[in-house]
Amino acid sequence: MSGDTAEHDPEAHDPAPAVTFGPLKRALREHRYPVTAAELIEQYGAAKLETSTTTTRLDSLLEGSAERQFRDPSEVREAILDALGHADASPEAPADEWTELPR
């Protein structure tokens, strides 16, 4: 028997949990940019993001960066993933699908 327990630990090899943005994704894509984190918190702060292990509100993820300004939805997505401790964990779409929607 091997002393390496990671070999038998399914969590040791799992990638970062996927993040589900739900309706927030479309709202962020439709929003006018540039925008500050404070403005996003004011408008969408109660929106919930889900991972396989937790549900987190947007306001709690962006509260430490209220003065930060975002130029487009993909920057918001990156900030959210960073706050959750994930590199690129959204199963919903590649980053290029996080562009601003035409008006």
Foldseek 3Di string as FASTA:
>chain_A
DDPDCLVVDVVSPDAPWAKAQPPVLLVQLADDDFDFLLVCCVVQQQRWMDTPVDIDGSCVQCVVRRGDTDGFQLVSVCSSCVSVVHRHRHPPDDSVVRGRDDD
